[in-house]
Amino acid sequence: MQPGVQHDQPTEAIPLSMLPQPWQVPFDPHHTETVAEEQPRRGKRPGLWIGLALGVLLLLFGGGTLSALLLLRNADSGKGSPDPGTAVDRFLTSVYTQKDATSAGDHVCREARDEDKLQERVDQIKGYANEYQAPTYRWSEPAVSGQDEEKATVAVQLTVTTDDEKSAQQQLTFTVVRKTGWLVCDVAG
């Protein structure tokens, strides 16, 4: 008590448990102010939209590429011939007469087309001109056997002769398949 101040009522001690604690908020039913909750920002996530757009583009591009591969996997770029005998004749002309591996590749099916091997064979034939006196190549009329809608076997006898009257023969058997036309797929002999 302070000197000179009078109190009308006696002072009572208030227990500490009755006093509001700092973490307690008193309830006031007449108080209408509410605390605004933070709303998530909508439409302000450019990274999410860019990621989704890239994902969709990737799916479209990947699907388109896969579709093109599936459609073109059986396509042959070789021109093909109207019949198996013509296919063999054109192939032999490209290799032995024209000595042109690129032209020969036009008459070979995709599964058997190996440009390096074709070029190697053409180079070997060109090299015979250095070993033998003017070698010339001719072949018999292609004999077609075992033909169905998609495959045929063609036999040819290849003959090489030189100016010094040397001669050699080789029997060749071709497997010819029908794709964009008839194409050579295998040679044995």
C-alpha atoms as a PDB file:
ATOM      1  CA  MET A   1       0.000   0.000   0.000  1.00  0.00           C
ATOM      2  CA  GLN A   2       1.012   3.432  -0.755  1.00  0.00           C
ATOM      3  CA  PRO A   3       0.994   6.083   1.921  1.00  0.00           C
ATOM      4  CA  GLY A   4      -1.764   8.593   1.479  1.00  0.00           C
ATOM      5  CA  VAL A   5      -3.962   6.416  -0.694  1.00  0.00           C
ATOM      6  CA  GLN A   6      -6.958   4.788   0.822  1.00  0.00           C
ATOM      7  CA  HIS A   7      -8.666   1.745  -0.455  1.00  0.00           C
ATOM      8  CA  ASP A   8     -12.350   1.124   0.067  1.00  0.00           C
ATOM      9  CA  GLN A   9     -12.154  -2.577  -0.084  1.00  0.00           C
ATOM     10  CA  PRO A  10      -9.684  -4.952   1.262  1.00  0.00           C
ATOM     11  CA  THR A  11      -7.405  -6.509  -1.336  1.00  0.00           C
ATOM     12  CA  GLU A  12      -7.595 -10.180  -2.022  1.00  0.00           C
ATOM     13  CA  ALA A  13      -4.970 -12.255  -3.650  1.00  0.00           C
ATOM     14  CA  ILE A  14      -5.958 -13.750  -7.083  1.00  0.00           C
ATOM     15  CA  PRO A  15      -4.577 -17.188  -7.742  1.00  0.00           C
ATOM     16  CA  LEU A  16      -2.249 -17.400 -10.803  1.00  0.00           C
ATOM     17  CA  SER A  17      -4.297 -20.175 -12.381  1.00  0.00           C
ATOM     18  CA  MET A  18      -7.172 -17.742 -12.872  1.00  0.00           C
ATOM     19  CA  LEU A  19      -5.107 -15.230 -14.826  1.00  0.00           C
ATOM     20  CA  PRO A  20      -5.091 -15.673 -18.640  1.00  0.00           C
ATOM     21  CA  GLN A  21      -1.913 -17.193 -19.913  1.00  0.00           C
ATOM     22  CA  PRO A  22      -0.095 -15.645 -22.894  1.00  0.00           C
ATOM     23  CA  TRP A  23      -0.942 -18.574 -25.209  1.00  0.00           C
ATOM     24  CA  GLN A  24      -4.647 -18.461 -24.388  1.00  0.00           C
ATOM     25  CA  VAL A  25      -6.981 -16.274 -26.410  1.00  0.00           C
ATOM     26  CA  PRO A  26     -10.102 -15.191 -24.598  1.00  0.00           C
ATOM     27  CA  PHE A  27     -13.421 -16.017 -26.327  1.00  0.00           C
ATOM     28  CA  ASP A  28     -15.560 -13.045 -27.222  1.00  0.00           C
ATOM     29  CA  PRO A  29     -18.898 -14.013 -28.841  1.00  0.00           C
ATOM     30  CA  HIS A  30     -19.499 -10.425 -30.029  1.00  0.00           C
ATOM     31  CA  HIS A  31     -16.183 -10.161 -31.844  1.00  0.00           C
ATOM     32  CA  THR A  32     -16.767 -10.695 -35.654  1.00  0.00           C
ATOM     33  CA  GLU A  33     -13.292 -10.185 -37.010  1.00  0.00           C
ATOM     34  CA  THR A  34     -11.798 -13.444 -38.351  1.00  0.00           C
ATOM     35  CA  VAL A  35      -8.263 -14.203 -39.239  1.00  0.00           C
ATOM     36  CA  ALA A  36      -7.959 -14.581 -43.012  1.00  0.00           C
ATOM     37  CA  GLU A  37      -6.466 -17.914 -43.994  1.00  0.00           C
ATOM     38  CA  GLU A  38      -3.804 -17.817 -46.657  1.00  0.00           C
ATOM     39  CA  GLN A  39      -5.203 -19.147 -49.921  1.00  0.00           C
ATOM     40  CA  PRO A  40      -2.846 -20.932 -52.299  1.00  0.00           C
ATOM     41  CA  ARG A  41      -1.963 -18.836 -55.315  1.00  0.00           C
ATOM     42  CA  ARG A  42      -3.781 -20.084 -58.381  1.00  0.00           C
ATOM     43  CA  GLY A  43      -2.452 -19.693 -61.902  1.00  0.00           C
ATOM     44  CA  LYS A  44       0.938 -18.536 -60.705  1.00  0.00           C
ATOM     45  CA  ARG A  45       2.827 -21.776 -61.260  1.00  0.00           C
ATOM     46  CA  PRO A  46       4.436 -21.389 -64.688  1.00  0.00           C
ATOM     47  CA  GLY A  47       6.909 -24.182 -64.025  1.00  0.00           C
ATOM     48  CA  LEU A  48       4.097 -26.694 -63.566  1.00  0.00           C
ATOM     49  CA  TRP A  49       2.374 -25.672 -66.818  1.00  0.00           C
ATOM     50  CA  ILE A  50       5.613 -25.652 -68.776  1.00  0.00           C
ATOM     51  CA  GLY A  51       6.443 -29.104 -67.447  1.00  0.00           C
ATOM     52  CA  LEU A  52       3.006 -30.439 -68.379  1.00  0.00           C
ATOM     53  CA  ALA A  53       3.242 -28.923 -71.870  1.00  0.00           C
ATOM     54  CA  LEU A  54       6.688 -30.447 -72.417  1.00  0.00           C
ATOM     55  CA  GLY A  55       5.419 -33.815 -71.202  1.00  0.00           C
ATOM     56  CA  VAL A  56       2.517 -33.735 -73.659  1.00  0.00           C
ATOM     57  CA  LEU A  57       4.826 -32.704 -76.510  1.00  0.00           C
ATOM     58  CA  LEU A  58       7.223 -35.496 -75.640  1.00  0.00           C
ATOM     59  CA  LEU A  59       4.402 -38.043 -75.670  1.00  0.00           C
ATOM     60  CA  LEU A  60       3.131 -36.773 -79.026  1.00  0.00           C
ATOM     61  CA  PHE A  61       6.594 -36.712 -80.589  1.00  0.00           C
ATOM     62  CA  GLY A  62       7.518 -40.126 -79.194  1.00  0.00           C
ATOM     63  CA  GLY A  63       4.209 -41.631 -80.294  1.00  0.00           C
ATOM     64  CA  GLY A  64       4.567 -40.142 -83.774  1.00  0.00           C
ATOM     65  CA  THR A  65       8.095 -41.444 -84.131  1.00  0.00           C
ATOM     66  CA  LEU A  66       7.093 -44.912 -82.953  1.00  0.00           C
ATOM     67  CA  SER A  67       4.152 -44.958 -85.369  1.00  0.00           C
ATOM     68  CA  ALA A  68       6.361 -43.951 -88.288  1.00  0.00           C
ATOM     69  CA  LEU A  69       8.899 -46.661 -87.443  1.00  0.00           C
ATOM     70  CA  LEU A  70       6.198 -49.323 -87.206  1.00  0.00           C
ATOM     71  CA  LEU A  71       4.679 -48.262 -90.516  1.00  0.00           C
ATOM     72  CA  LEU A  72       7.977 -48.037 -92.370  1.00  0.00           C
ATOM     73  CA  ARG A  73       9.819 -51.009 -90.914  1.00  0.00           C
ATOM     74  CA  ASN A  74       8.627 -53.280 -93.715  1.00  0.00           C
ATOM     75  CA  ALA A  75       8.945 -50.658 -96.423  1.00  0.00           C
ATOM     76  CA  ASP A  76      11.712 -51.217 -98.935  1.00  0.00           C
ATOM     77  CA  SER A  77      13.481 -48.380-100.671  1.00  0.00           C
ATOM     78  CA  GLY A  78      14.516 -50.679-103.526  1.00  0.00           C
ATOM     79  CA  LYS A  79      12.576 -50.148-106.721  1.00  0.00           C
ATOM     80  CA  GLY A  80      11.823 -53.763-107.364  1.00  0.00           C
ATOM     81  CA  SER A  81      11.090 -55.510-110.641  1.00  0.00           C
ATOM     82  CA  PRO A  82       7.861 -56.779-112.177  1.00  0.00           C
ATOM     83  CA  ASP A  83       8.938 -60.445-111.899  1.00  0.00           C
ATOM     84  CA  PRO A  84      11.662 -62.560-110.200  1.00  0.00           C
ATOM     85  CA  GLY A  85      13.675 -63.233-113.387  1.00  0.00           C
ATOM     86  CA  THR A  86      13.909 -59.527-114.214  1.00  0.00           C
ATOM     87  CA  ALA A  87      15.008 -58.760-110.644  1.00  0.00           C
ATOM     88  CA  VAL A  88      17.941 -61.192-110.949  1.00  0.00           C
ATOM     89  CA  ASP A  89      18.859 -59.953-114.436  1.00  0.00           C
ATOM     90  CA  ARG A  90      18.899 -56.300-113.296  1.00  0.00           C
ATOM     91  CA  PHE A  91      20.965 -57.185-110.230  1.00  0.00           C
ATOM     92  CA  LEU A  92      23.546 -59.077-112.315  1.00  0.00           C
ATOM     93  CA  THR A  93      23.699 -56.223-114.850  1.00  0.00           C
ATOM     94  CA  SER A  94      24.371 -53.702-112.053  1.00  0.00           C
ATOM     95  CA  VAL A  95      27.124 -55.823-110.501  1.00  0.00           C
ATOM     96  CA  TYR A  96      28.871 -57.440-113.483  1.00  0.00           C
ATOM     97  CA  THR A  97      28.232 -55.088-116.419  1.00  0.00           C
ATOM     98  CA  GLN A  98      27.823 -51.607-114.888  1.00  0.00           C
ATOM     99  CA  LYS A  99      29.974 -52.408-111.836  1.00  0.00           C
ATOM    100  CA  ASP A 100      27.782 -50.032-109.775  1.00  0.00           C
ATOM    101  CA  ALA A 101      27.107 -51.016-106.156  1.00  0.00           C
ATOM    102  CA  THR A 102      24.530 -48.237-105.687  1.00  0.00           C
ATOM    103  CA  SER A 103      22.503 -49.459-108.639  1.00  0.00           C
ATOM    104  CA  ALA A 104      22.801 -53.050-107.378  1.00  0.00           C
ATOM    105  CA  GLY A 105      21.449 -51.910-103.993  1.00  0.00           C
ATOM    106  CA  ASP A 106      18.250 -50.776-105.728  1.00  0.00           C
ATOM    107  CA  HIS A 107      17.566 -54.429-106.597  1.00  0.00           C
ATOM    108  CA  VAL A 108      18.283 -55.896-103.141  1.00  0.00           C
ATOM    109  CA  CYS A 109      15.753 -56.221-100.295  1.00  0.00           C
ATOM    110  CA  ARG A 110      16.323 -54.128 -97.175  1.00  0.00           C
ATOM    111  CA  GLU A 111      17.115 -57.127 -94.953  1.00  0.00           C
ATOM    112  CA  ALA A 112      20.002 -58.202 -97.202  1.00  0.00           C
ATOM    113  CA  ARG A 113      21.199 -54.761 -98.283  1.00  0.00           C
ATOM    114  CA  ASP A 114      24.742 -54.218 -97.071  1.00  0.00           C
ATOM    115  CA  GLU A 115      26.300 -51.403 -99.076  1.00  0.00           C
ATOM    116  CA  ASP A 116      29.812 -52.237 -97.885  1.00  0.00           C
ATOM    117  CA  LYS A 117      29.571 -55.869 -99.031  1.00  0.00           C
ATOM    118  CA  LEU A 118      28.065 -54.831-102.368  1.00  0.00           C
ATOM    119  CA  GLN A 119      30.857 -52.315-102.911  1.00  0.00           C
ATOM    120  CA  GLU A 120      33.445 -54.920-101.899  1.00  0.00           C
ATOM    121  CA  ARG A 121      32.046 -57.382-104.473  1.00  0.00           C
ATOM    122  CA  VAL A 122      31.988 -54.724-107.234  1.00  0.00           C
ATOM    123  CA  ASP A 123      35.573 -53.727-106.401  1.00  0.00           C
ATOM    124  CA  GLN A 124      36.593 -57.400-106.566  1.00  0.00           C
ATOM    125  CA  ILE A 125      35.040 -57.715-110.038  1.00  0.00           C
ATOM    126  CA  LYS A 126      36.775 -54.507-111.148  1.00  0.00           C
ATOM    127  CA  GLY A 127      40.058 -55.967-109.832  1.00  0.00           C
ATOM    128  CA  TYR A 128      39.728 -59.001-112.134  1.00  0.00           C
ATOM    129  CA  ALA A 129      40.469 -56.646-115.044  1.00  0.00           C
ATOM    130  CA  ASN A 130      44.014 -56.273-113.644  1.00  0.00           C
ATOM    131  CA  GLU A 131      44.500 -60.035-113.189  1.00  0.00           C
ATOM    132  CA  TYR A 132      42.914 -61.323-116.409  1.00  0.00           C
ATOM    133  CA  GLN A 133      42.878 -60.116-120.007  1.00  0.00           C
ATOM    134  CA  ALA A 134      39.605 -58.221-120.494  1.00  0.00           C
ATOM    135  CA  PRO A 135      37.189 -60.430-118.529  1.00  0.00           C
ATOM    136  CA  THR A 136      33.584 -60.363-119.717  1.00  0.00           C
ATOM    137  CA  TYR A 137      30.568 -61.693-117.859  1.00  0.00           C
ATOM    138  CA  ARG A 138      27.390 -63.244-119.199  1.00  0.00           C
ATOM    139  CA  TRP A 139      24.669 -65.384-117.666  1.00  0.00           C
ATOM    140  CA  SER A 140      21.987 -67.736-118.774  1.00  0.00           C
ATOM    141  CA  GLU A 141      18.315 -66.805-118.890  1.00  0.00           C
ATOM    142  CA  PRO A 142      17.081 -66.762-115.252  1.00  0.00           C
ATOM    143  CA  ALA A 143      15.121 -69.957-114.493  1.00  0.00           C
ATOM    144  CA  VAL A 144      12.374 -69.301-111.948  1.00  0.00           C
ATOM    145  CA  SER A 145      11.247 -72.170-109.702  1.00  0.00           C
ATOM    146  CA  GLY A 146       9.298 -72.506-106.474  1.00  0.00           C
ATOM    147  CA  GLN A 147       7.429 -69.242-106.933  1.00  0.00           C
ATOM    148  CA  ASP A 148       4.500 -68.195-104.749  1.00  0.00           C
ATOM    149  CA  GLU A 149       2.967 -64.776-104.027  1.00  0.00           C
ATOM    150  CA  GLU A 150       5.876 -63.565-101.884  1.00  0.00           C
ATOM    151  CA  LYS A 151       8.973 -65.623-102.715  1.00  0.00           C
ATOM    152  CA  ALA A 152      10.723 -67.312-105.643  1.00  0.00           C
ATOM    153  CA  THR A 153      13.946 -69.173-106.351  1.00  0.00           C
ATOM    154  CA  VAL A 154      15.888 -68.215-109.486  1.00  0.00           C
ATOM    155  CA  ALA A 155      18.842 -70.148-110.937  1.00  0.00           C
ATOM    156  CA  VAL A 156      21.437 -68.638-113.292  1.00  0.00           C
ATOM    157  CA  GLN A 157      24.681 -69.942-114.735  1.00  0.00           C
ATOM    158  CA  LEU A 158      27.299 -67.170-114.688  1.00  0.00           C
ATOM    159  CA  THR A 159      30.151 -67.412-117.206  1.00  0.00           C
ATOM    160  CA  VAL A 160      33.324 -65.321-117.308  1.00  0.00           C
ATOM    161  CA  THR A 161      35.581 -65.379-120.375  1.00  0.00           C
ATOM    162  CA  THR A 162      38.843 -63.583-121.109  1.00  0.00           C
ATOM    163  CA  ASP A 163      40.578 -62.461-124.320  1.00  0.00           C
ATOM    164  CA  ASP A 164      43.146 -65.241-123.931  1.00  0.00           C
ATOM    165  CA  GLU A 165      40.277 -67.762-124.182  1.00  0.00           C
ATOM    166  CA  LYS A 166      40.072 -68.714-120.542  1.00  0.00           C
ATOM    167  CA  SER A 167      36.606 -69.448-119.235  1.00  0.00           C
ATOM    168  CA  ALA A 168      34.934 -70.254-115.903  1.00  0.00           C
ATOM    169  CA  GLN A 169      31.348 -70.989-114.929  1.00  0.00           C
ATOM    170  CA  GLN A 170      29.459 -70.754-111.678  1.00  0.00           C
ATOM    171  CA  GLN A 171      25.888 -71.818-110.865  1.00  0.00           C
ATOM    172  CA  LEU A 172      24.124 -69.149-108.790  1.00  0.00           C
ATOM    173  CA  THR A 173      20.810 -69.555-106.957  1.00  0.00           C
ATOM    174  CA  PHE A 174      18.929 -66.424-105.925  1.00  0.00           C
ATOM    175  CA  THR A 175      16.150 -66.060-103.390  1.00  0.00           C
ATOM    176  CA  VAL A 176      13.868 -63.270-104.582  1.00  0.00           C
ATOM    177  CA  VAL A 177      11.050 -61.754-102.503  1.00  0.00           C
ATOM    178  CA  ARG A 178       8.134 -59.541-103.379  1.00  0.00           C
ATOM    179  CA  LYS A 179       8.054 -56.191-101.523  1.00  0.00           C
ATOM    180  CA  THR A 180       7.631 -52.984-103.537  1.00  0.00           C
ATOM    181  CA  GLY A 181       8.371 -55.237-106.482  1.00  0.00           C
ATOM    182  CA  TRP A 182      10.611 -58.318-106.768  1.00  0.00           C
ATOM    183  CA  LEU A 183      13.961 -57.858-104.981  1.00  0.00           C
ATOM    184  CA  VAL A 184      17.008 -60.125-104.541  1.00  0.00           C
ATOM    185  CA  CYS A 185      17.428 -61.211-100.914  1.00  0.00           C
ATOM    186  CA  ASP A 186      20.020 -63.987-101.066  1.00  0.00           C
ATOM    187  CA  VAL A 187      22.623 -65.369-103.469  1.00  0.00           C
ATOM    188  CA  ALA A 188      24.146 -68.822-103.095  1.00  0.00           C
ATOM    189  CA  GLY A 189      26.647 -70.555-105.317  1.00  0.00           C
END
